Amino acid sequence: MNRRIKRIDRDLFQGYRTFECPVEVLSLRGKIPALLALNLFLRACNRSEHSNFEGRVRFPALDASLARKMNVNLSSIGSAYRCLERRKLVTRTRNRSIAGEYGTTEVSVCNPRTGQTLLNSPDRADLLTANTVSSFEVPVEYLEHLNHIPQSSARAVLIAAIYLANEAQAETFDVARCHWRKTSSVCEKSFNHAVKMLGKVQRVQHGKKKIKVPKLLRYNGGTLILLDPQTGKPSQREPLHRKMSIDFELMSASDWERVISEVRKEEFFTKANGWTSTTKHNFCPFCHYPACFNLNFAEQAFHCFKCHEGGKLGFLLKHLTGLNTMPEVADYIVQILRSPIETEVAV
């Protein structure tokens, strides 16, 4: 049956931050491996875009942090990793903490057809497209709510809706109910219940507190609408693109040193090769190991010898500050550089 697509004059997911996810996630039916894959590919896309080299996509991931974010236990994270490894979506190397316990996992994302590790695509947001992997776009804001939805069937139905929106290249489109259910790979009873749940505001238990999950979609008369989580209505967001308040490439090494020193609250000693010295008081902000993290302000780069996290200083600053976008990072840098330099007064 030919499905009539109802299009509107907007770019798909306009105004949202998005990342690419392989289509193989659909076959995981919204279960914990699917949720883990989404979170890992979000991290991989961010890591790749802000990398300063075209090597393999590899990054550290704390199992405990992922478990808290997804509201599952540690054993479920381990089982989910094994499932993704069998499907050639990721490979991992587990690292022991100082106490001798496994805590940090070094993850590489892969092409599920070949099992080969994906390569970084610096300054590009389409990591999977650059590596010729079949994928679809997922709004980051939707993933945040997927992490809070406890029912795997509801997650599967929402992921399928996002995938179908990619097919239609619209957030409002016509789709047969049976086709949507088949794409989600859940039974009819669970599908009907999930559609009702996703169409109303929910309060779910996440850890020790209640989390509000807003209305995320509406389905009526064969028309599916993905709703704006902020308003519960069809999205009217403006494009995200905003001019950067400062060009990172034009910043001097001394500018970068001042900004990073201000954020990390420590001084750095630069060696003849341009990289800073590593000391026992210098901890990596990703794996938290001492004496393994250094920076190169002239090349605007950083690297950890333990977890192998590395990339551009703009990405590091985004991680340290918890800001959401690079324009926000640029504004933060301008604020620091415009502030007066504190000098010690001799007594």
Protein backbone atom coordinates (compact mmCIF):
# COMPACT_ATOMS: atom_id res chain seq x y z
CA MET A 1 0.00 0.00 0.00
CA ASN A 2 1.37 3.42 -0.94
CA ARG A 3 1.48 5.73 2.06
CA ARG A 4 0.55 9.36 1.40
CA ILE A 5 3.09 11.60 3.10
CA LYS A 6 1.85 14.92 4.44
CA ARG A 7 4.75 17.37 4.45
CA ILE A 8 5.13 20.78 6.05
CA ASP A 9 7.47 23.62 5.15
CA ARG A 10 10.12 22.97 7.81
CA ASP A 11 13.44 21.14 7.92
CA LEU A 12 13.33 17.87 9.83
CA PHE A 13 14.03 18.43 13.55
CA GLN A 14 14.70 22.12 12.97
CA GLY A 15 15.83 23.76 16.20
CA TYR A 16 16.93 20.48 17.83
CA ARG A 17 20.45 19.18 18.44
CA THR A 18 20.61 15.79 16.72
CA PHE A 19 22.96 12.86 16.30
CA GLU A 20 23.07 9.85 13.98
CA CYS A 21 22.18 6.32 15.06
CA PRO A 22 22.46 3.08 13.01
CA VAL A 23 19.18 1.60 11.76
CA GLU A 24 20.10 -1.70 13.47
CA VAL A 25 18.93 -0.14 16.75
CA LEU A 26 15.34 -0.66 15.56
CA SER A 27 15.76 -4.44 15.81
CA LEU A 28 16.62 -4.13 19.54
CA ARG A 29 12.94 -3.34 20.28
CA GLY A 30 13.56 -0.53 22.72
CA LYS A 31 15.28 -2.76 25.27
CA ILE A 32 18.31 -1.73 27.35
CA PRO A 33 20.82 -2.53 24.55
CA ALA A 34 18.92 -0.11 22.29
CA LEU A 35 19.04 2.60 24.95
CA LEU A 36 22.74 1.99 25.56
CA ALA A 37 23.47 2.12 21.82
CA LEU A 38 21.71 5.49 21.52
CA ASN A 39 23.68 6.97 24.41
CA LEU A 40 26.99 5.62 23.08
CA PHE A 41 26.42 6.86 19.52
CA LEU A 42 25.51 10.30 20.88
CA ARG A 43 28.86 10.37 22.67
CA ALA A 44 30.65 9.06 19.57
CA CYS A 45 29.14 11.72 17.30
CA ASN A 46 30.13 14.50 19.72
CA ARG A 47 33.61 13.00 20.14
CA SER A 48 34.13 12.74 16.38
CA GLU A 49 32.87 16.22 15.51
CA HIS A 50 35.24 17.93 17.95
CA SER A 51 38.23 15.70 17.32
CA ASN A 52 41.38 17.13 15.75
CA PHE A 53 42.46 13.94 14.00
CA GLU A 54 40.89 11.35 11.70
CA GLY A 55 41.73 8.23 13.71
CA ARG A 56 39.32 5.67 15.12
CA VAL A 57 36.38 6.80 17.22
CA ARG A 58 37.26 5.73 20.75
CA PHE A 59 36.18 7.22 24.08
CA PRO A 60 35.88 6.31 27.77
CA ALA A 61 32.50 5.54 29.32
CA LEU A 62 31.86 5.06 33.03
CA ASP A 63 29.53 2.08 33.57
CA ALA A 64 28.13 3.54 36.79
CA SER A 65 27.40 6.87 35.12
CA LEU A 66 25.55 5.16 32.26
CA ALA A 67 23.57 3.06 34.72
CA ARG A 68 22.42 6.16 36.60
CA LYS A 69 21.58 8.00 33.41
CA MET A 70 19.51 5.10 32.04
CA ASN A 71 18.06 4.18 35.47
CA VAL A 72 19.25 0.55 35.30
CA ASN A 73 21.65 -1.57 37.35
CA LEU A 74 25.29 -2.28 36.49
CA SER A 75 24.66 -5.90 35.51
CA SER A 76 22.15 -4.70 32.89
CA ILE A 77 24.81 -2.42 31.42
CA GLY A 78 27.20 -5.38 31.13
CA SER A 79 24.54 -7.55 29.43
CA ALA A 80 23.66 -4.71 27.05
CA TYR A 81 27.32 -4.27 26.07
CA ARG A 82 27.60 -7.99 25.26
CA CYS A 83 24.49 -7.77 23.08
CA LEU A 84 25.88 -4.79 21.16
CA GLU A 85 29.22 -6.56 20.72
CA ARG A 86 27.47 -9.62 19.23
CA ARG A 87 25.71 -7.34 16.76
CA LYS A 88 29.02 -5.62 15.86
CA LEU A 89 27.78 -2.20 16.96
CA VAL A 90 30.55 -1.58 19.51
CA THR A 91 33.75 -3.05 20.89
CA ARG A 92 35.06 -2.29 24.37
CA THR A 93 38.08 -2.62 26.61
CA ARG A 94 37.49 -2.59 30.36
CA ASN A 95 39.90 -0.71 32.64
CA ARG A 96 40.43 -1.24 36.34
CA SER A 97 40.25 1.65 38.79
CA ILE A 98 42.97 2.44 41.33
CA ALA A 99 41.08 0.24 43.80
CA GLY A 100 41.32 -2.68 41.35
CA GLU A 101 37.65 -2.64 40.33
CA TYR A 102 36.29 -2.40 36.80
CA GLY A 103 34.78 1.03 36.27
CA THR A 104 35.82 2.72 33.03
CA THR A 105 35.07 1.10 29.69
CA GLU A 106 36.90 2.25 26.59
CA VAL A 107 34.35 2.07 23.77
CA SER A 108 34.76 2.01 19.99
CA VAL A 109 31.69 2.26 17.76
CA CYS A 110 31.62 0.06 14.66
CA ASN A 111 30.06 -0.43 11.26
CA PRO A 112 27.55 -3.26 11.94
CA ARG A 113 27.97 -4.67 8.43
CA THR A 114 31.75 -5.07 8.64
CA GLY A 115 32.55 -4.84 12.35
CA GLN A 116 35.25 -2.25 11.59
CA THR A 117 35.69 0.71 13.94
CA LEU A 118 34.34 3.99 12.60
CA LEU A 119 36.76 6.82 11.79
CA ASN A 120 36.47 10.35 13.14
CA SER A 121 34.98 13.00 10.87
CA PRO A 122 36.29 16.28 12.37
CA ASP A 123 34.00 19.34 12.09
CA ARG A 124 31.18 17.16 10.71
CA ALA A 125 28.05 16.21 12.63
CA ASP A 126 27.26 13.21 10.37
CA LEU A 127 29.69 10.59 11.68
CA LEU A 128 27.76 7.57 10.36
CA THR A 129 27.04 9.12 6.97
CA ALA A 130 30.75 9.92 6.61
CA ASN A 131 31.49 6.25 7.30
CA THR A 132 28.76 5.03 4.87
CA VAL A 133 26.64 3.46 7.63
CA SER A 134 22.85 3.36 7.22
CA SER A 135 21.50 5.65 9.92
CA PHE A 136 18.77 8.03 11.02
CA GLU A 137 18.78 11.28 13.00
CA VAL A 138 17.66 11.37 16.64
CA PRO A 139 17.03 14.62 18.56
CA VAL A 140 19.13 14.73 21.74
CA GLU A 141 16.12 16.03 23.68
CA TYR A 142 14.10 12.93 22.75
CA LEU A 143 16.92 10.68 23.96
CA GLU A 144 16.88 12.44 27.33
CA HIS A 145 13.22 11.44 27.72
CA LEU A 146 13.85 7.93 26.34
CA ASN A 147 16.25 7.46 29.26
CA HIS A 148 13.35 8.16 31.63
CA ILE A 149 10.71 5.91 30.00
CA PRO A 150 10.70 2.58 31.89
CA GLN A 151 8.71 0.46 29.38
CA SER A 152 10.77 -1.01 26.54
CA SER A 153 7.68 -1.17 24.29
CA ALA A 154 7.10 2.59 24.65
CA ARG A 155 10.77 3.23 23.85
CA ALA A 156 10.52 0.99 20.77
CA VAL A 157 7.41 2.80 19.52
CA LEU A 158 9.04 6.23 19.96
CA ILE A 159 12.28 5.15 18.27
CA ALA A 160 10.23 3.76 15.36
CA ALA A 161 8.32 7.06 15.11
CA ILE A 162 11.61 8.98 14.92
CA TYR A 163 12.86 6.60 12.22
CA LEU A 164 9.67 7.02 10.18
CA ALA A 165 9.96 10.80 10.52
CA ASN A 166 13.41 10.47 8.93
CA GLU A 167 11.89 8.47 6.07
CA ALA A 168 9.20 11.12 5.54
CA GLN A 169 11.63 14.01 6.19
CA ALA A 170 8.90 15.66 8.28
CA GLU A 171 7.70 15.75 11.87
CA THR A 172 4.05 15.58 10.73
CA PHE A 173 3.28 12.82 8.24
CA ASP A 174 0.79 10.10 7.33
CA VAL A 175 1.65 6.51 8.21
CA ALA A 176 -0.40 3.33 8.46
CA ARG A 177 -0.75 2.08 12.03
CA CYS A 178 0.24 -1.47 11.01
CA HIS A 179 3.41 -0.20 9.32
CA TRP A 180 4.40 1.80 12.40
CA ARG A 181 3.78 -1.21 14.66
CA LYS A 182 5.79 -3.50 12.37
CA THR A 183 8.70 -1.03 12.40
CA SER A 184 8.65 -0.96 16.21
CA SER A 185 8.67 -4.82 16.43
CA VAL A 186 6.23 -4.94 19.37
CA CYS A 187 2.92 -6.79 19.70
CA GLU A 188 -0.39 -5.04 18.97
CA LYS A 189 -1.51 -4.79 22.60
CA SER A 190 1.81 -3.28 23.77
CA PHE A 191 1.85 -0.96 20.76
CA ASN A 192 -1.62 0.46 21.48
CA HIS A 193 -0.75 1.00 25.14
CA ALA A 194 2.56 2.69 24.23
CA VAL A 195 0.89 5.11 21.79
CA LYS A 196 -1.54 6.18 24.54
CA MET A 197 1.30 6.62 27.05
CA LEU A 198 3.44 8.70 24.70
CA GLY A 199 0.48 10.94 23.94
CA LYS A 200 0.08 12.17 27.51
CA VAL A 201 2.21 13.60 30.32
CA GLN A 202 3.69 10.93 32.61
CA ARG A 203 5.45 10.97 35.95
CA VAL A 204 7.91 8.10 36.31
CA GLN A 205 10.29 7.01 39.04
CA HIS A 206 13.91 7.71 38.14
CA GLY A 207 16.23 6.73 40.96
CA LYS A 208 14.92 8.36 44.13
CA LYS A 209 12.86 11.07 42.47
CA LYS A 210 9.88 11.46 40.16
CA ILE A 211 10.62 12.64 36.61
CA LYS A 212 8.11 14.32 34.31
CA VAL A 213 7.96 12.87 30.81
CA PRO A 214 6.03 15.27 28.52
CA LYS A 215 3.75 14.42 25.61
CA LEU A 216 6.04 13.30 22.80
CA LEU A 217 3.70 12.40 19.95
CA ARG A 218 0.12 12.45 18.69
CA TYR A 219 -1.53 9.95 16.33
CA ASN A 220 -4.98 10.59 14.91
CA GLY A 221 -6.63 9.59 11.66
CA GLY A 222 -3.46 8.04 10.29
CA THR A 223 -1.38 11.19 10.86
CA LEU A 224 1.60 10.98 13.23
CA ILE A 225 2.94 14.18 14.79
CA LEU A 226 6.15 14.32 16.81
CA LEU A 227 5.57 16.97 19.45
CA ASP A 228 8.01 19.49 20.91
CA PRO A 229 8.85 18.16 24.42
CA GLN A 230 9.01 21.72 25.74
CA THR A 231 5.50 22.71 24.68
CA GLY A 232 3.62 19.47 24.00
CA LYS A 233 2.62 20.93 20.61
CA PRO A 234 3.95 20.63 17.04
CA SER A 235 7.40 22.22 16.96
CA GLN A 236 7.76 25.88 15.94
CA ARG A 237 11.48 26.10 16.78
CA GLU A 238 13.83 28.37 14.93
CA PRO A 239 17.08 26.99 13.44
CA LEU A 240 19.85 26.46 15.99
CA HIS A 241 22.68 27.92 13.97
CA ARG A 242 24.08 30.99 15.66
CA LYS A 243 27.24 32.93 14.85
CA MET A 244 30.11 32.18 17.21
CA SER A 245 31.16 35.17 19.34
CA ILE A 246 34.84 34.19 18.90
CA ASP A 247 36.76 32.16 16.32
CA PHE A 248 38.62 29.37 18.15
CA GLU A 249 41.23 29.16 15.38
CA LEU A 250 42.22 32.81 15.96
CA MET A 251 42.78 32.36 19.71
CA SER A 252 46.39 32.44 20.87
CA ALA A 253 48.06 29.80 23.05
CA SER A 254 48.10 32.26 25.96
CA ASP A 255 44.34 32.83 25.56
CA TRP A 256 43.66 29.10 25.75
CA GLU A 257 45.98 28.68 28.74
CA ARG A 258 44.20 31.47 30.59
CA VAL A 259 40.74 30.01 29.91
CA ILE A 260 41.61 26.41 30.80
CA SER A 261 43.54 27.52 33.90
CA GLU A 262 40.52 29.53 35.02
CA VAL A 263 38.18 26.56 34.63
CA ARG A 264 40.50 23.90 36.09
CA LYS A 265 41.84 26.20 38.82
CA GLU A 266 45.43 25.08 38.26
CA GLU A 267 48.66 26.22 36.62
CA PHE A 268 50.30 24.43 33.69
CA PHE A 269 53.97 24.08 32.79
CA THR A 270 54.65 23.80 29.06
CA LYS A 271 57.58 21.69 27.86
CA ALA A 272 59.75 22.36 24.82
CA ASN A 273 57.55 20.14 22.61
CA GLY A 274 54.52 22.32 23.36
CA TRP A 275 52.73 19.83 25.64
CA THR A 276 52.17 20.46 29.33
CA SER A 277 53.86 18.38 32.03
CA THR A 278 51.87 15.64 33.78
CA THR A 279 51.96 15.53 37.57
CA LYS A 280 50.32 13.43 40.26
CA HIS A 281 48.03 16.38 40.99
CA ASN A 282 46.89 16.56 37.37
CA PHE A 283 43.77 14.41 36.93
CA CYS A 284 42.06 13.53 33.64
CA PRO A 285 38.50 14.96 33.66
CA PHE A 286 37.23 11.89 31.78
CA CYS A 287 38.72 8.83 33.50
CA HIS A 288 39.89 10.69 36.67
CA TYR A 289 43.32 9.03 36.71
CA PRO A 290 46.29 11.15 37.87
CA ALA A 291 49.51 11.95 35.99
CA CYS A 292 48.17 11.04 32.54
CA PHE A 293 46.54 14.19 31.16
CA ASN A 294 48.27 16.93 29.16
CA LEU A 295 47.42 19.82 26.86
CA ASN A 296 48.93 21.67 23.92
CA PHE A 297 47.68 25.26 23.89
CA ALA A 298 49.41 26.16 20.62
CA GLU A 299 47.78 23.25 18.76
CA GLN A 300 44.52 23.62 20.76
CA ALA A 301 44.60 19.94 21.68
CA PHE A 302 44.46 17.63 24.72
CA HIS A 303 45.19 13.97 25.33
CA CYS A 304 45.00 11.38 28.12
CA PHE A 305 47.51 8.52 28.11
CA LYS A 306 45.23 6.30 30.22
CA CYS A 307 41.77 6.45 28.62
CA HIS A 308 43.04 7.84 25.26
CA GLU A 309 40.44 10.62 25.28
CA GLY A 310 41.67 13.49 23.15
CA GLY A 311 40.61 16.23 20.78
CA LYS A 312 40.17 19.96 20.54
CA LEU A 313 40.24 22.30 23.52
CA GLY A 314 36.78 23.60 22.60
CA PHE A 315 35.35 20.11 23.17
CA LEU A 316 37.29 19.82 26.45
CA LEU A 317 35.90 23.14 27.66
CA LYS A 318 32.38 22.05 26.74
CA HIS A 319 32.87 18.93 28.88
CA LEU A 320 34.37 20.84 31.82
CA THR A 321 31.65 23.51 31.92
CA GLY A 322 28.67 21.29 31.13
CA LEU A 323 27.48 23.71 28.43
CA ASN A 324 25.26 22.31 25.66
CA THR A 325 26.49 24.01 22.48
CA MET A 326 29.70 25.40 21.07
CA PRO A 327 28.26 28.96 20.71
CA GLU A 328 27.65 28.85 24.48
CA VAL A 329 31.27 27.77 24.97
CA ALA A 330 32.41 30.69 22.77
CA ASP A 331 30.36 33.13 24.89
CA TYR A 332 31.92 31.66 28.05
CA ILE A 333 35.43 32.14 26.63
CA VAL A 334 34.70 35.75 25.71
CA GLN A 335 33.44 36.38 29.24
CA ILE A 336 36.71 35.08 30.75
CA LEU A 337 38.99 36.92 28.31
CA ARG A 338 37.17 40.22 28.90
CA SER A 339 37.46 39.93 32.68
CA PRO A 340 40.46 41.66 34.30
CA ILE A 341 43.49 39.48 35.09
CA GLU A 342 43.96 39.00 38.81
CA THR A 343 47.47 39.87 39.96
CA GLU A 344 49.07 39.26 43.30
CA VAL A 345 49.91 42.44 45.21
CA ALA A 346 53.27 42.43 46.95
CA VAL A 347 53.06 43.25 50.66
